Amino acid sequence: MNDKPMSVNLEERFQYAEKGIVSKTLFDSPKMKIVLFCFEEGQSLSEHQAPFSAQIAVLEGEGDFLLGNEIFKGAKGSLFVMPEGLVHAIKATKKLSFVLTLVK
């Protein structure tokens, strides 16, 4: 992918899978990466760290977001900002979709 302007209808990109998390890279450049994630209820992403600053914008559903040592409830409209290297994890408490933006 490249640095050209783009427009995406995110709801048209929602795709859920019973046995796995769906992730779709929407944009990737040397400075930024944008990924759409879709989780079925109960699916989770274990604790990990990202080497970049990041933000998560929740588009649909609900989930528990572990950021550092604190769990935040996320729902449509929630925005989370994470500094580089922060330990984080996600568990969908209802069908969940969000956009992750990594700033490289």
C-alpha atoms as a PDB file:
ATOM      1  CA  MET A   1       0.000   0.000   0.000  1.00  0.00           C
ATOM      2  CA  ASN A   2       1.105   3.588  -0.333  1.00  0.00           C
ATOM      3  CA  ASP A   3       0.768   7.214   0.772  1.00  0.00           C
ATOM      4  CA  LYS A   4      -1.967   8.191  -1.691  1.00  0.00           C
ATOM      5  CA  PRO A   5      -5.226   9.664  -0.332  1.00  0.00           C
ATOM      6  CA  MET A   6      -7.892   7.048   0.248  1.00  0.00           C
ATOM      7  CA  SER A   7     -11.488   6.656   1.363  1.00  0.00           C
ATOM      8  CA  VAL A   8     -12.934   3.532   2.985  1.00  0.00           C
ATOM      9  CA  ASN A   9     -16.440   2.620   4.147  1.00  0.00           C
ATOM     10  CA  LEU A  10     -15.472   0.726   7.288  1.00  0.00           C
ATOM     11  CA  GLU A  11     -18.852  -0.956   7.820  1.00  0.00           C
ATOM     12  CA  GLU A  12     -18.584  -2.539   4.367  1.00  0.00           C
ATOM     13  CA  ARG A  13     -15.286  -4.102   5.481  1.00  0.00           C
ATOM     14  CA  PHE A  14     -16.651  -5.772   8.651  1.00  0.00           C
ATOM     15  CA  GLN A  15     -16.111  -9.526   8.489  1.00  0.00           C
ATOM     16  CA  TYR A  16     -16.390 -11.929  11.408  1.00  0.00           C
ATOM     17  CA  ALA A  17     -15.123 -15.499  11.727  1.00  0.00           C
ATOM     18  CA  GLU A  18     -16.260 -18.063  14.314  1.00  0.00           C
ATOM     19  CA  LYS A  19     -12.789 -19.504  14.718  1.00  0.00           C
ATOM     20  CA  GLY A  20     -10.416 -16.586  14.625  1.00  0.00           C
ATOM     21  CA  ILE A  21      -9.997 -12.860  14.616  1.00  0.00           C
ATOM     22  CA  VAL A  22     -10.275 -11.097  11.280  1.00  0.00           C
ATOM     23  CA  SER A  23      -7.743  -8.329  10.642  1.00  0.00           C
ATOM     24  CA  LYS A  24      -7.552  -6.309   7.448  1.00  0.00           C
ATOM     25  CA  THR A  25      -4.790  -3.824   6.696  1.00  0.00           C
ATOM     26  CA  LEU A  26      -6.487  -0.763   5.229  1.00  0.00           C
ATOM     27  CA  PHE A  27      -3.422   1.450   4.858  1.00  0.00           C
ATOM     28  CA  ASP A  28       0.314   0.907   5.232  1.00  0.00           C
ATOM     29  CA  SER A  29       3.039   3.478   4.706  1.00  0.00           C
ATOM     30  CA  PRO A  30       6.470   4.153   6.172  1.00  0.00           C
ATOM     31  CA  LYS A  31       4.875   6.447   8.797  1.00  0.00           C
ATOM     32  CA  MET A  32       1.516   4.844   9.599  1.00  0.00           C
ATOM     33  CA  LYS A  33      -0.450   1.597   9.462  1.00  0.00           C
ATOM     34  CA  ILE A  34      -4.244   1.278   9.825  1.00  0.00           C
ATOM     35  CA  VAL A  35      -5.831  -2.112  10.533  1.00  0.00           C
ATOM     36  CA  LEU A  36      -9.494  -3.082  10.951  1.00  0.00           C
ATOM     37  CA  PHE A  37     -10.094  -5.853  13.524  1.00  0.00           C
ATOM     38  CA  CYS A  38     -13.309  -7.875  13.955  1.00  0.00           C
ATOM     39  CA  PHE A  39     -13.813 -10.210  16.930  1.00  0.00           C
ATOM     40  CA  GLU A  40     -16.738 -12.510  17.652  1.00  0.00           C
ATOM     41  CA  GLU A  41     -18.014 -12.434  21.235  1.00  0.00           C
ATOM     42  CA  GLY A  42     -15.531 -14.184  23.542  1.00  0.00           C
ATOM     43  CA  GLN A  43     -12.528 -13.909  21.233  1.00  0.00           C
ATOM     44  CA  SER A  44      -9.411 -12.305  22.632  1.00  0.00           C
ATOM     45  CA  LEU A  45      -5.949 -11.076  21.807  1.00  0.00           C
ATOM     46  CA  SER A  46      -3.407 -11.975  24.511  1.00  0.00           C
ATOM     47  CA  GLU A  47      -1.053  -9.532  26.199  1.00  0.00           C
ATOM     48  CA  HIS A  48       1.547  -8.060  23.875  1.00  0.00           C
ATOM     49  CA  GLN A  49       3.476  -4.864  23.186  1.00  0.00           C
ATOM     50  CA  ALA A  50       3.719  -2.737  20.068  1.00  0.00           C
ATOM     51  CA  PRO A  51       6.968  -1.018  19.080  1.00  0.00           C
ATOM     52  CA  PHE A  52       4.931   2.042  17.997  1.00  0.00           C
ATOM     53  CA  SER A  53       2.491   4.528  19.479  1.00  0.00           C
ATOM     54  CA  ALA A  54      -1.062   3.515  18.643  1.00  0.00           C
ATOM     55  CA  GLN A  55      -4.717   4.368  18.963  1.00  0.00           C
ATOM     56  CA  ILE A  56      -7.829   2.185  18.933  1.00  0.00           C
ATOM     57  CA  ALA A  57     -11.215   3.545  17.831  1.00  0.00           C
ATOM     58  CA  VAL A  58     -14.136   1.206  18.619  1.00  0.00           C
ATOM     59  CA  LEU A  59     -16.681   1.055  15.783  1.00  0.00           C
ATOM     60  CA  GLU A  60     -19.113  -1.629  16.961  1.00  0.00           C
ATOM     61  CA  GLY A  61     -19.761  -3.866  19.951  1.00  0.00           C
ATOM     62  CA  GLU A  62     -18.088  -4.018  23.349  1.00  0.00           C
ATOM     63  CA  GLY A  63     -14.865  -5.290  24.858  1.00  0.00           C
ATOM     64  CA  ASP A  64     -12.451  -5.197  27.746  1.00  0.00           C
ATOM     65  CA  PHE A  65      -9.205  -3.412  26.926  1.00  0.00           C
ATOM     66  CA  LEU A  66      -6.210  -4.052  29.155  1.00  0.00           C
ATOM     67  CA  LEU A  67      -3.886  -1.052  28.879  1.00  0.00           C
ATOM     68  CA  GLY A  68      -0.879  -1.422  31.140  1.00  0.00           C
ATOM     69  CA  ASN A  69      -2.300  -2.568  34.482  1.00  0.00           C
ATOM     70  CA  GLU A  70      -5.829  -1.211  34.025  1.00  0.00           C
ATOM     71  CA  ILE A  71      -8.888  -2.690  32.281  1.00  0.00           C
ATOM     72  CA  PHE A  72     -11.124  -0.255  30.397  1.00  0.00           C
ATOM     73  CA  LYS A  73     -14.605  -1.017  29.070  1.00  0.00           C
ATOM     74  CA  GLY A  74     -14.818  -0.101  25.405  1.00  0.00           C
ATOM     75  CA  ALA A  75     -17.920   0.387  23.273  1.00  0.00           C
ATOM     76  CA  LYS A  76     -18.867   2.142  20.034  1.00  0.00           C
ATOM     77  CA  GLY A  77     -17.295   5.583  20.116  1.00  0.00           C
ATOM     78  CA  SER A  78     -14.499   4.723  22.575  1.00  0.00           C
ATOM     79  CA  LEU A  79     -10.991   5.900  21.743  1.00  0.00           C
ATOM     80  CA  PHE A  80      -7.846   4.561  23.408  1.00  0.00           C
ATOM     81  CA  VAL A  81      -4.372   6.033  22.990  1.00  0.00           C
ATOM     82  CA  MET A  82      -1.359   3.850  23.753  1.00  0.00           C
ATOM     83  CA  PRO A  83       2.258   4.947  24.050  1.00  0.00           C
ATOM     84  CA  GLU A  84       4.995   2.901  22.421  1.00  0.00           C
ATOM     85  CA  GLY A  85       5.760  -0.317  24.307  1.00  0.00           C
ATOM     86  CA  LEU A  86       2.583  -0.387  26.429  1.00  0.00           C
ATOM     87  CA  VAL A  87       1.443  -3.909  27.346  1.00  0.00           C
ATOM     88  CA  HIS A  88      -2.131  -4.392  26.169  1.00  0.00           C
ATOM     89  CA  ALA A  89      -4.742  -7.079  25.482  1.00  0.00           C
ATOM     90  CA  ILE A  90      -8.341  -7.199  24.238  1.00  0.00           C
ATOM     91  CA  LYS A  91     -11.345  -9.439  24.940  1.00  0.00           C
ATOM     92  CA  ALA A  92     -14.636  -9.045  23.076  1.00  0.00           C
ATOM     93  CA  THR A  93     -17.579  -9.155  25.484  1.00  0.00           C
ATOM     94  CA  LYS A  94     -19.919  -8.701  22.497  1.00  0.00           C
ATOM     95  CA  LYS A  95     -19.196  -8.812  18.772  1.00  0.00           C
ATOM     96  CA  LEU A  96     -16.460  -6.150  18.421  1.00  0.00           C
ATOM     97  CA  SER A  97     -14.866  -4.172  15.628  1.00  0.00           C
ATOM     98  CA  PHE A  98     -12.249  -1.458  15.909  1.00  0.00           C
ATOM     99  CA  VAL A  99      -9.628   0.375  13.921  1.00  0.00           C
ATOM    100  CA  LEU A 100      -6.036   0.246  15.127  1.00  0.00           C
ATOM    101  CA  THR A 101      -3.749   3.051  13.938  1.00  0.00           C
ATOM    102  CA  LEU A 102      -0.009   2.567  14.437  1.00  0.00           C
ATOM    103  CA  VAL A 103       2.261   5.597  14.154  1.00  0.00           C
ATOM    104  CA  LYS A 104       5.664   4.341  13.068  1.00  0.00           C
END
